[in-house]
Amino acid sequence: MPPLEGPAAEPDAAAVEAGLDALDTPARPVEKAGGWRRFARSVLPPVAFLVLVIVVWQALWAAAFWPEYQLPAPLAVWDELWSQFTSARAFGFVWTSVHRAVLGFLIAIVIATPLGLLVAKVRLVRAGIGPFLSGLQSLPSVAWVPAAVLWFGVEPAAMYVVLLLGSVPSIANGLVAGIDQIPPILPRVGKVLGAGRLASARHILLPAALPGYLAGLKQGWAFSWRSLMAAEIIATSPLLGKGLGAYLDDGRFLNDMSTVIAAIVLILLVGVGIELLVFRPLERSVLRARGLNGSL
């Protein structure tokens, strides 16, 4: 059958064009459930898991498999947490650690972003620095604490050095991985349109590499938070204030397992809160902008 020509072919061409445009348009999420049902699906499972953990914990304590100083009752840990909150000491512990971690993390982003761009786009830099970035990422950050204390003393500078050494490699490697997955045609189009190196990095590379960059940021925050906790446990001084790591070490020093578990709970709550309040909304917006609503 010969192909259609003239006016009869125009509707078919228009339909094909509309279909191609629909493929490029991000799909809108289909709201199949009401707000209460969505809330229940997102909140009830972790709450149920938490209740299960507490029930098992209470059963183990009641069975007295371990002495009280090794496994306190959940109520004893709750009493410790409540006393710290009612006396406002818990807020001081959290503020000391969180503001230090956030400031160090922001500095790490400023350092790691241009470093990742250089490693991704300059072959000589990648050949020279790339293997060391991967090695630093796999190196436990706690290994830097003694060196940082010897270099800077038991002062805030030592904490920030440990934090940066733990987070910069992860952020830079995440950006490099994201840039490596960019279709080569995008930088070429930018070059044809007259974009220089800075404009290309700002308007093409960073937006296109955003999923990998965001994954690197999440991992960098996790590494920086763990690094800071290790540094606060090992290096204690009045100049540093008392953060969550120092509070945890107080429980060890006093042989008080209730304090140890209470400090672990606070550290965990900070990590979960940063994930839910910062990274989860960012991840949702990035995926939604790319039409990946099935991952939300």
C-alpha atoms as a PDB file:
ATOM      1  CA  MET A   1       0.000   0.000   0.000  1.00  0.00           C
ATOM      2  CA  PRO A   2       1.603   3.301  -1.009  1.00  0.00           C
ATOM      3  CA  PRO A   3       2.140   5.935   1.733  1.00  0.00           C
ATOM      4  CA  LEU A   4      -0.450   8.647   2.078  1.00  0.00           C
ATOM      5  CA  GLU A   5       0.356  11.977   0.482  1.00  0.00           C
ATOM      6  CA  GLY A   6      -1.161  15.423   0.667  1.00  0.00           C
ATOM      7  CA  PRO A   7      -3.772  16.498   3.236  1.00  0.00           C
ATOM      8  CA  ALA A   8      -4.568  12.903   4.257  1.00  0.00           C
ATOM      9  CA  ALA A   9      -1.050  12.503   5.679  1.00  0.00           C
ATOM     10  CA  GLU A  10      -1.241  15.626   7.849  1.00  0.00           C
ATOM     11  CA  PRO A  11      -3.435  14.114  10.637  1.00  0.00           C
ATOM     12  CA  ASP A  12      -1.128  11.104  10.889  1.00  0.00           C
ATOM     13  CA  ALA A  13       1.941  13.341  11.140  1.00  0.00           C
ATOM     14  CA  ALA A  14       0.254  15.477  13.783  1.00  0.00           C
ATOM     15  CA  ALA A  15      -0.682  12.369  15.774  1.00  0.00           C
ATOM     16  CA  VAL A  16       2.883  11.061  15.627  1.00  0.00           C
ATOM     17  CA  GLU A  17       4.233  14.433  16.753  1.00  0.00           C
ATOM     18  CA  ALA A  18       1.773  14.578  19.648  1.00  0.00           C
ATOM     19  CA  GLY A  19       2.767  11.069  20.685  1.00  0.00           C
ATOM     20  CA  LEU A  20       6.470  11.974  20.698  1.00  0.00           C
ATOM     21  CA  ASP A  21       5.744  15.065  22.767  1.00  0.00           C
ATOM     22  CA  ALA A  22       3.818  12.926  25.250  1.00  0.00           C
ATOM     23  CA  LEU A  23       6.835  10.648  25.649  1.00  0.00           C
ATOM     24  CA  ASP A  24       8.996  13.631  26.580  1.00  0.00           C
ATOM     25  CA  THR A  25       6.480  15.022  29.063  1.00  0.00           C
ATOM     26  CA  PRO A  26       6.969  13.859  32.678  1.00  0.00           C
ATOM     27  CA  ALA A  27       4.035  11.746  33.766  1.00  0.00           C
ATOM     28  CA  ARG A  28       1.870  13.207  36.475  1.00  0.00           C
ATOM     29  CA  PRO A  29       1.494  11.028  39.552  1.00  0.00           C
ATOM     30  CA  VAL A  30      -1.899   9.415  39.813  1.00  0.00           C
ATOM     31  CA  GLU A  31      -3.461  10.025  43.187  1.00  0.00           C
ATOM     32  CA  LYS A  32      -5.156   6.751  43.958  1.00  0.00           C
ATOM     33  CA  ALA A  33      -5.565   7.230  47.677  1.00  0.00           C
ATOM     34  CA  GLY A  34      -6.674   9.983  49.995  1.00  0.00           C
ATOM     35  CA  GLY A  35      -4.380  11.974  52.233  1.00  0.00           C
ATOM     36  CA  TRP A  36      -5.117   9.880  55.325  1.00  0.00           C
ATOM     37  CA  ARG A  37      -4.388   6.637  53.502  1.00  0.00           C
ATOM     38  CA  ARG A  38      -1.090   7.950  52.123  1.00  0.00           C
ATOM     39  CA  PHE A  39      -0.155   9.162  55.596  1.00  0.00           C
ATOM     40  CA  ALA A  40      -0.990   5.767  57.074  1.00  0.00           C
ATOM     41  CA  ARG A  41       1.105   3.941  54.459  1.00  0.00           C
ATOM     42  CA  SER A  42       4.125   6.126  55.156  1.00  0.00           C
ATOM     43  CA  VAL A  43       3.871   6.408  58.956  1.00  0.00           C
ATOM     44  CA  LEU A  44       2.354   3.174  60.224  1.00  0.00           C
ATOM     45  CA  PRO A  45       5.056   0.750  58.982  1.00  0.00           C
ATOM     46  CA  PRO A  46       7.977   2.458  60.813  1.00  0.00           C
ATOM     47  CA  VAL A  47       5.812   2.969  63.905  1.00  0.00           C
ATOM     48  CA  ALA A  48       4.858  -0.710  63.860  1.00  0.00           C
ATOM     49  CA  PHE A  49       8.518  -1.687  63.524  1.00  0.00           C
ATOM     50  CA  LEU A  50       9.452   0.571  66.445  1.00  0.00           C
ATOM     51  CA  VAL A  51       6.724  -0.962  68.601  1.00  0.00           C
ATOM     52  CA  LEU A  52       7.965  -4.442  67.680  1.00  0.00           C
ATOM     53  CA  VAL A  53      11.538  -3.518  68.680  1.00  0.00           C
ATOM     54  CA  ILE A  54      10.357  -2.182  72.045  1.00  0.00           C
ATOM     55  CA  VAL A  55       8.237  -5.285  72.689  1.00  0.00           C
ATOM     56  CA  VAL A  56      11.155  -7.621  71.936  1.00  0.00           C
ATOM     57  CA  TRP A  57      13.444  -5.444  74.048  1.00  0.00           C
ATOM     58  CA  GLN A  58      11.010  -5.548  76.980  1.00  0.00           C
ATOM     59  CA  ALA A  59      10.662  -9.315  76.647  1.00  0.00           C
ATOM     60  CA  LEU A  60      14.441  -9.805  76.679  1.00  0.00           C
ATOM     61  CA  TRP A  61      14.748  -7.553  79.725  1.00  0.00           C
ATOM     62  CA  ALA A  62      11.959  -9.424  81.525  1.00  0.00           C
ATOM     63  CA  ALA A  63      13.614 -12.765  80.753  1.00  0.00           C
ATOM     64  CA  ALA A  64      16.792 -11.471  82.480  1.00  0.00           C
ATOM     65  CA  PHE A  65      19.189 -13.027  80.001  1.00  0.00           C
ATOM     66  CA  TRP A  66      21.630 -10.202  80.779  1.00  0.00           C
ATOM     67  CA  PRO A  67      22.153  -8.220  83.969  1.00  0.00           C
ATOM     68  CA  GLU A  68      20.484  -4.830  84.363  1.00  0.00           C
ATOM     69  CA  TYR A  69      23.688  -2.854  83.734  1.00  0.00           C
ATOM     70  CA  GLN A  70      24.021  -4.521  80.320  1.00  0.00           C
ATOM     71  CA  LEU A  71      20.395  -4.412  79.178  1.00  0.00           C
ATOM     72  CA  PRO A  72      18.240  -1.829  80.957  1.00  0.00           C
ATOM     73  CA  ALA A  73      14.489  -1.737  80.608  1.00  0.00           C
ATOM     74  CA  PRO A  74      12.966   0.485  77.905  1.00  0.00           C
ATOM     75  CA  LEU A  75      11.360   2.531  80.682  1.00  0.00           C
ATOM     76  CA  ALA A  76      14.782   3.267  82.194  1.00  0.00           C
ATOM     77  CA  VAL A  77      16.016   4.605  78.860  1.00  0.00           C
ATOM     78  CA  TRP A  78      12.843   6.664  78.476  1.00  0.00           C
ATOM     79  CA  ASP A  79      13.376   8.129  81.966  1.00  0.00           C
ATOM     80  CA  GLU A  80      16.925   9.107  80.984  1.00  0.00           C
ATOM     81  CA  LEU A  81      15.740  10.751  77.765  1.00  0.00           C
ATOM     82  CA  TRP A  82      12.916  12.540  79.562  1.00  0.00           C
ATOM     83  CA  SER A  83      15.245  13.894  82.230  1.00  0.00           C
ATOM     84  CA  GLN A  84      17.645  15.200  79.564  1.00  0.00           C
ATOM     85  CA  PHE A  85      14.832  16.920  77.659  1.00  0.00           C
ATOM     86  CA  THR A  86      13.124  18.401  80.707  1.00  0.00           C
ATOM     87  CA  SER A  87      16.444  19.825  81.867  1.00  0.00           C
ATOM     88  CA  ALA A  88      17.126  21.119  78.333  1.00  0.00           C
ATOM     89  CA  ARG A  89      20.513  19.391  78.280  1.00  0.00           C
ATOM     90  CA  ALA A  90      19.443  17.234  75.332  1.00  0.00           C
ATOM     91  CA  PHE A  91      18.842  20.350  73.223  1.00  0.00           C
ATOM     92  CA  GLY A  92      22.348  21.539  74.032  1.00  0.00           C
ATOM     93  CA  PHE A  93      23.860  18.194  73.009  1.00  0.00           C
ATOM     94  CA  VAL A  94      21.925  18.166  69.742  1.00  0.00           C
ATOM     95  CA  TRP A  95      22.690  21.802  68.918  1.00  0.00           C
ATOM     96  CA  THR A  96      26.421  21.409  69.574  1.00  0.00           C
ATOM     97  CA  SER A  97      26.700  18.444  67.228  1.00  0.00           C
ATOM     98  CA  VAL A  98      24.198  19.454  64.549  1.00  0.00           C
ATOM     99  CA  HIS A  99      25.400  23.017  63.991  1.00  0.00           C
ATOM    100  CA  ARG A 100      28.992  21.772  63.778  1.00  0.00           C
ATOM    101  CA  ALA A 101      27.998  19.016  61.340  1.00  0.00           C
ATOM    102  CA  VAL A 102      25.929  21.364  59.137  1.00  0.00           C
ATOM    103  CA  LEU A 103      28.678  23.993  58.966  1.00  0.00           C
ATOM    104  CA  GLY A 104      31.307  21.392  58.111  1.00  0.00           C
ATOM    105  CA  PHE A 105      29.014  19.802  55.537  1.00  0.00           C
ATOM    106  CA  LEU A 106      28.441  23.148  53.795  1.00  0.00           C
ATOM    107  CA  ILE A 107      32.197  23.720  53.660  1.00  0.00           C
ATOM    108  CA  ALA A 108      32.590  20.216  52.247  1.00  0.00           C
ATOM    109  CA  ILE A 109      30.097  21.009  49.456  1.00  0.00           C
ATOM    110  CA  VAL A 110      32.043  24.165  48.546  1.00  0.00           C
ATOM    111  CA  ILE A 111      35.267  22.148  48.332  1.00  0.00           C
ATOM    112  CA  ALA A 112      33.953  18.935  46.782  1.00  0.00           C
ATOM    113  CA  THR A 113      31.829  20.438  43.996  1.00  0.00           C
ATOM    114  CA  PRO A 114      34.634  22.122  42.005  1.00  0.00           C
ATOM    115  CA  LEU A 115      36.908  19.207  42.848  1.00  0.00           C
ATOM    116  CA  GLY A 116      34.389  16.749  41.393  1.00  0.00           C
ATOM    117  CA  LEU A 117      34.026  18.865  38.248  1.00  0.00           C
ATOM    118  CA  LEU A 118      37.784  18.925  37.767  1.00  0.00           C
ATOM    119  CA  VAL A 119      38.139  15.181  38.298  1.00  0.00           C
ATOM    120  CA  ALA A 120      35.267  14.444  35.924  1.00  0.00           C
ATOM    121  CA  LYS A 121      36.349  16.725  33.070  1.00  0.00           C
ATOM    122  CA  VAL A 122      40.174  16.921  33.249  1.00  0.00           C
ATOM    123  CA  ARG A 123      41.829  13.608  32.434  1.00  0.00           C
ATOM    124  CA  LEU A 124      45.148  14.449  34.076  1.00  0.00           C
ATOM    125  CA  VAL A 125      43.450  15.430  37.327  1.00  0.00           C
ATOM    126  CA  ARG A 126      41.313  12.290  37.218  1.00  0.00           C
ATOM    127  CA  ALA A 127      44.345  10.079  36.675  1.00  0.00           C
ATOM    128  CA  GLY A 128      46.213  11.725  39.540  1.00  0.00           C
ATOM    129  CA  ILE A 129      43.498  12.340  42.144  1.00  0.00           C
ATOM    130  CA  GLY A 130      40.715   9.902  41.260  1.00  0.00           C
ATOM    131  CA  PRO A 131      42.242   6.787  42.890  1.00  0.00           C
ATOM    132  CA  PHE A 132      43.054   8.714  46.068  1.00  0.00           C
ATOM    133  CA  LEU A 133      39.489  10.044  46.317  1.00  0.00           C
ATOM    134  CA  SER A 134      38.173   6.485  46.140  1.00  0.00           C
ATOM    135  CA  GLY A 135      40.737   5.375  48.719  1.00  0.00           C
ATOM    136  CA  LEU A 136      39.858   8.205  51.091  1.00  0.00           C
ATOM    137  CA  GLN A 137      36.178   7.340  50.747  1.00  0.00           C
ATOM    138  CA  SER A 138      36.831   3.774  51.911  1.00  0.00           C
ATOM    139  CA  LEU A 139      39.150   4.869  54.744  1.00  0.00           C
ATOM    140  CA  PRO A 140      37.379   4.914  58.129  1.00  0.00           C
ATOM    141  CA  SER A 141      37.137   8.536  59.223  1.00  0.00           C
ATOM    142  CA  VAL A 142      37.952   7.634  62.817  1.00  0.00           C
ATOM    143  CA  ALA A 143      41.504   6.973  61.620  1.00  0.00           C
ATOM    144  CA  TRP A 144      41.943  10.724  61.087  1.00  0.00           C
ATOM    145  CA  VAL A 145      41.022  11.673  64.668  1.00  0.00           C
ATOM    146  CA  PRO A 146      44.463  11.064  66.266  1.00  0.00           C
ATOM    147  CA  ALA A 147      46.216  12.870  63.425  1.00  0.00           C
ATOM    148  CA  ALA A 148      43.820  15.828  63.586  1.00  0.00           C
ATOM    149  CA  VAL A 149      44.295  16.127  67.355  1.00  0.00           C
ATOM    150  CA  LEU A 150      48.090  16.112  66.943  1.00  0.00           C
ATOM    151  CA  TRP A 151      47.903  18.689  64.145  1.00  0.00           C
ATOM    152  CA  PHE A 152      45.397  21.136  65.649  1.00  0.00           C
ATOM    153  CA  GLY A 153      45.023  20.110  69.283  1.00  0.00           C
ATOM    154  CA  VAL A 154      41.720  19.315  70.948  1.00  0.00           C
ATOM    155  CA  GLU A 155      39.963  22.259  69.316  1.00  0.00           C
ATOM    156  CA  PRO A 156      37.061  22.737  66.878  1.00  0.00           C
ATOM    157  CA  ALA A 157      39.503  22.820  63.945  1.00  0.00           C
ATOM    158  CA  ALA A 158      40.343  19.163  64.551  1.00  0.00           C
ATOM    159  CA  MET A 159      36.638  18.266  64.398  1.00  0.00           C
ATOM    160  CA  TYR A 160      36.160  20.075  61.099  1.00  0.00           C
ATOM    161  CA  VAL A 161      39.222  18.418  59.562  1.00  0.00           C
ATOM    162  CA  VAL A 162      37.892  14.968  60.417  1.00  0.00           C
ATOM    163  CA  LEU A 163      34.453  15.915  59.137  1.00  0.00           C
ATOM    164  CA  LEU A 164      35.798  17.249  55.822  1.00  0.00           C
ATOM    165  CA  LEU A 165      38.036  14.245  55.233  1.00  0.00           C
ATOM    166  CA  GLY A 166      35.017  12.025  55.740  1.00  0.00           C
ATOM    167  CA  SER A 167      32.560  13.891  53.493  1.00  0.00           C
ATOM    168  CA  VAL A 168      34.512  15.554  50.649  1.00  0.00           C
ATOM    169  CA  PRO A 169      35.517  12.294  48.868  1.00  0.00           C
ATOM    170  CA  SER A 170      31.936  10.981  48.894  1.00  0.00           C
ATOM    171  CA  ILE A 171      30.447  14.205  47.521  1.00  0.00           C
ATOM    172  CA  ALA A 172      33.126  14.540  44.838  1.00  0.00           C
ATOM    173  CA  ASN A 173      32.808  10.897  43.763  1.00  0.00           C
ATOM    174  CA  GLY A 174      29.018  11.203  43.597  1.00  0.00           C
ATOM    175  CA  LEU A 175      29.338  14.213  41.291  1.00  0.00           C
ATOM    176  CA  VAL A 176      31.899  12.402  39.131  1.00  0.00           C
ATOM    177  CA  ALA A 177      29.579   9.396  38.815  1.00  0.00           C
ATOM    178  CA  GLY A 178      26.691  11.658  37.863  1.00  0.00           C
ATOM    179  CA  ILE A 179      28.715  13.472  35.197  1.00  0.00           C
ATOM    180  CA  ASP A 180      29.950  10.177  33.759  1.00  0.00           C
ATOM    181  CA  GLN A 181      26.316   9.204  33.101  1.00  0.00           C
ATOM    182  CA  ILE A 182      25.469  12.388  31.165  1.00  0.00           C
ATOM    183  CA  PRO A 183      24.799  11.746  27.445  1.00  0.00           C
ATOM    184  CA  PRO A 184      27.795  13.165  25.517  1.00  0.00           C
ATOM    185  CA  ILE A 185      25.496  15.109  23.218  1.00  0.00           C
ATOM    186  CA  LEU A 186      24.476  17.536  25.987  1.00  0.00           C
ATOM    187  CA  PRO A 187      27.925  19.115  26.514  1.00  0.00           C
ATOM    188  CA  ARG A 188      28.412  19.215  22.735  1.00  0.00           C
ATOM    189  CA  VAL A 189      25.151  21.091  22.246  1.00  0.00           C
ATOM    190  CA  GLY A 190      26.177  23.556  24.932  1.00  0.00           C
ATOM    191  CA  LYS A 191      29.525  24.096  23.239  1.00  0.00           C
ATOM    192  CA  VAL A 192      27.839  24.677  19.879  1.00  0.00           C
ATOM    193  CA  LEU A 193      25.539  27.244  21.493  1.00  0.00           C
ATOM    194  CA  GLY A 194      28.562  29.122  22.833  1.00  0.00           C
ATOM    195  CA  ALA A 195      28.612  27.993  26.481  1.00  0.00           C
ATOM    196  CA  GLY A 196      32.003  28.398  28.130  1.00  0.00           C
ATOM    197  CA  ARG A 197      33.427  26.133  30.810  1.00  0.00           C
ATOM    198  CA  LEU A 198      31.715  27.860  33.713  1.00  0.00           C
ATOM    199  CA  ALA A 199      28.385  28.214  31.900  1.00  0.00           C
ATOM    200  CA  SER A 200      28.543  24.598  30.791  1.00  0.00           C
ATOM    201  CA  ALA A 201      29.240  23.419  34.333  1.00  0.00           C
ATOM    202  CA  ARG A 202      26.448  25.555  35.779  1.00  0.00           C
ATOM    203  CA  HIS A 203      23.712  25.077  33.198  1.00  0.00           C
ATOM    204  CA  ILE A 204      24.491  21.618  31.737  1.00  0.00           C
ATOM    205  CA  LEU A 205      26.755  19.411  33.847  1.00  0.00           C
ATOM    206  CA  LEU A 206      25.401  20.098  37.341  1.00  0.00           C
ATOM    207  CA  PRO A 207      21.674  19.911  36.404  1.00  0.00           C
ATOM    208  CA  ALA A 208      22.180  16.773  34.305  1.00  0.00           C
ATOM    209  CA  ALA A 209      24.296  15.107  37.002  1.00  0.00           C
ATOM    210  CA  LEU A 210      21.905  16.089  39.804  1.00  0.00           C
ATOM    211  CA  PRO A 211      20.705  12.543  40.701  1.00  0.00           C
ATOM    212  CA  GLY A 212      24.264  11.269  41.156  1.00  0.00           C
ATOM    213  CA  TYR A 213      25.294  14.495  42.873  1.00  0.00           C
ATOM    214  CA  LEU A 214      22.377  14.201  45.297  1.00  0.00           C
ATOM    215  CA  ALA A 215      23.339  10.588  46.065  1.00  0.00           C
ATOM    216  CA  GLY A 216      26.863  11.808  46.796  1.00  0.00           C
ATOM    217  CA  LEU A 217      25.496  14.530  49.078  1.00  0.00           C
ATOM    218  CA  LYS A 218      23.451  11.990  51.041  1.00  0.00           C
ATOM    219  CA  GLN A 219      26.436   9.708  51.439  1.00  0.00           C
ATOM    220  CA  GLY A 220      28.670  12.660  52.273  1.00  0.00           C
ATOM    221  CA  TRP A 221      26.293  13.767  55.035  1.00  0.00           C
ATOM    222  CA  ALA A 222      26.183  10.234  56.451  1.00  0.00           C
ATOM    223  CA  PHE A 223      29.984  10.018  56.438  1.00  0.00           C
ATOM    224  CA  SER A 224      30.374  13.476  57.968  1.00  0.00           C
ATOM    225  CA  TRP A 225      27.874  12.687  60.740  1.00  0.00           C
ATOM    226  CA  ARG A 226      29.616   9.418  61.570  1.00  0.00           C
ATOM    227  CA  SER A 227      33.004  11.146  61.462  1.00  0.00           C
ATOM    228  CA  LEU A 228      31.844  13.838  63.846  1.00  0.00           C
ATOM    229  CA  MET A 229      30.436  11.310  66.311  1.00  0.00           C
ATOM    230  CA  ALA A 230      33.717   9.383  66.306  1.00  0.00           C
ATOM    231  CA  ALA A 231      35.696  12.596  66.837  1.00  0.00           C
ATOM    232  CA  GLU A 232      33.450  13.722  69.703  1.00  0.00           C
ATOM    233  CA  ILE A 233      33.792  10.351  71.409  1.00  0.00           C
ATOM    234  CA  ILE A 234      37.586  10.273  71.186  1.00  0.00           C
ATOM    235  CA  ALA A 235      38.473  13.961  71.604  1.00  0.00           C
ATOM    236  CA  THR A 236      36.819  15.687  74.568  1.00  0.00           C
ATOM    237  CA  SER A 237      37.608  19.162  75.845  1.00  0.00           C
ATOM    238  CA  PRO A 238      35.772  22.142  77.360  1.00  0.00           C
ATOM    239  CA  LEU A 239      36.738  24.051  74.204  1.00  0.00           C
ATOM    240  CA  LEU A 240      34.614  21.677  72.132  1.00  0.00           C
ATOM    241  CA  GLY A 241      31.477  21.778  74.244  1.00  0.00           C
ATOM    242  CA  LYS A 242      29.470  18.635  74.897  1.00  0.00           C
ATOM    243  CA  GLY A 243      27.834  17.108  71.863  1.00  0.00           C
ATOM    244  CA  LEU A 244      26.054  13.834  71.344  1.00  0.00           C
ATOM    245  CA  GLY A 245      29.318  11.918  70.992  1.00  0.00           C
ATOM    246  CA  ALA A 246      30.592  13.253  74.313  1.00  0.00           C
ATOM    247  CA  TYR A 247      27.241  12.430  75.925  1.00  0.00           C
ATOM    248  CA  LEU A 248      27.564   8.867  74.620  1.00  0.00           C
ATOM    249  CA  ASP A 249      31.093   8.621  76.004  1.00  0.00           C
ATOM    250  CA  ASP A 250      29.843   9.816  79.397  1.00  0.00           C
ATOM    251  CA  GLY A 251      27.599   6.763  79.520  1.00  0.00           C
ATOM    252  CA  ARG A 252      30.555   4.514  78.787  1.00  0.00           C
ATOM    253  CA  PHE A 253      32.704   6.224  81.412  1.00  0.00           C
ATOM    254  CA  LEU A 254      29.955   5.960  84.050  1.00  0.00           C
ATOM    255  CA  ASN A 255      29.110   2.373  83.027  1.00  0.00           C
ATOM    256  CA  ASP A 256      25.506   3.534  82.530  1.00  0.00           C
ATOM    257  CA  MET A 257      23.875   1.619  79.683  1.00  0.00           C
ATOM    258  CA  SER A 258      20.710   3.720  79.908  1.00  0.00           C
ATOM    259  CA  THR A 259      22.732   6.818  79.039  1.00  0.00           C
ATOM    260  CA  VAL A 260      24.520   4.986  76.226  1.00  0.00           C
ATOM    261  CA  ILE A 261      21.272   3.838  74.621  1.00  0.00           C
ATOM    262  CA  ALA A 262      19.660   7.258  75.120  1.00  0.00           C
ATOM    263  CA  ALA A 263      22.582   8.894  73.303  1.00  0.00           C
ATOM    264  CA  ILE A 264      22.319   6.350  70.476  1.00  0.00           C
ATOM    265  CA  VAL A 265      18.604   7.123  70.168  1.00  0.00           C
ATOM    266  CA  LEU A 266      19.310  10.870  69.898  1.00  0.00           C
ATOM    267  CA  ILE A 267      22.006  10.297  67.269  1.00  0.00           C
ATOM    268  CA  LEU A 268      19.620   8.089  65.303  1.00  0.00           C
ATOM    269  CA  LEU A 269      16.798  10.645  65.550  1.00  0.00           C
ATOM    270  CA  VAL A 270      19.035  13.365  64.114  1.00  0.00           C
ATOM    271  CA  GLY A 271      19.998  11.137  61.186  1.00  0.00           C
ATOM    272  CA  VAL A 272      16.390  10.186  60.468  1.00  0.00           C
ATOM    273  CA  GLY A 273      15.264  13.803  60.808  1.00  0.00           C
ATOM    274  CA  ILE A 274      17.839  15.109  58.322  1.00  0.00           C
ATOM    275  CA  GLU A 275      16.839  12.377  55.874  1.00  0.00           C
ATOM    276  CA  LEU A 276      13.108  13.089  56.134  1.00  0.00           C
ATOM    277  CA  LEU A 277      13.284  16.884  56.279  1.00  0.00           C
ATOM    278  CA  VAL A 278      16.117  17.619  53.833  1.00  0.00           C
ATOM    279  CA  PHE A 279      17.180  14.817  51.528  1.00  0.00           C
ATOM    280  CA  ARG A 280      13.850  13.058  51.000  1.00  0.00           C
ATOM    281  CA  PRO A 281      12.078  16.230  49.697  1.00  0.00           C
ATOM    282  CA  LEU A 282      15.069  17.033  47.472  1.00  0.00           C
ATOM    283  CA  GLU A 283      15.087  13.508  46.093  1.00  0.00           C
ATOM    284  CA  ARG A 284      11.347  13.600  45.445  1.00  0.00           C
ATOM    285  CA  SER A 285      11.581  16.907  43.571  1.00  0.00           C
ATOM    286  CA  VAL A 286      14.485  15.695  41.418  1.00  0.00           C
ATOM    287  CA  LEU A 287      12.745  12.426  40.533  1.00  0.00           C
ATOM    288  CA  ARG A 288       9.442  14.170  39.861  1.00  0.00           C
ATOM    289  CA  ALA A 289      11.150  16.677  37.540  1.00  0.00           C
ATOM    290  CA  ARG A 290      12.527  13.751  35.537  1.00  0.00           C
ATOM    291  CA  GLY A 291       9.196  11.921  35.396  1.00  0.00           C
ATOM    292  CA  LEU A 292      10.398   9.108  37.690  1.00  0.00           C
ATOM    293  CA  ASN A 293       7.260   9.103  39.791  1.00  0.00           C
ATOM    294  CA  GLY A 294       7.286   5.346  40.255  1.00  0.00           C
ATOM    295  CA  SER A 295      10.265   5.713  42.594  1.00  0.00           C
ATOM    296  CA  LEU A 296       8.460   8.148  44.905  1.00  0.00           C
END
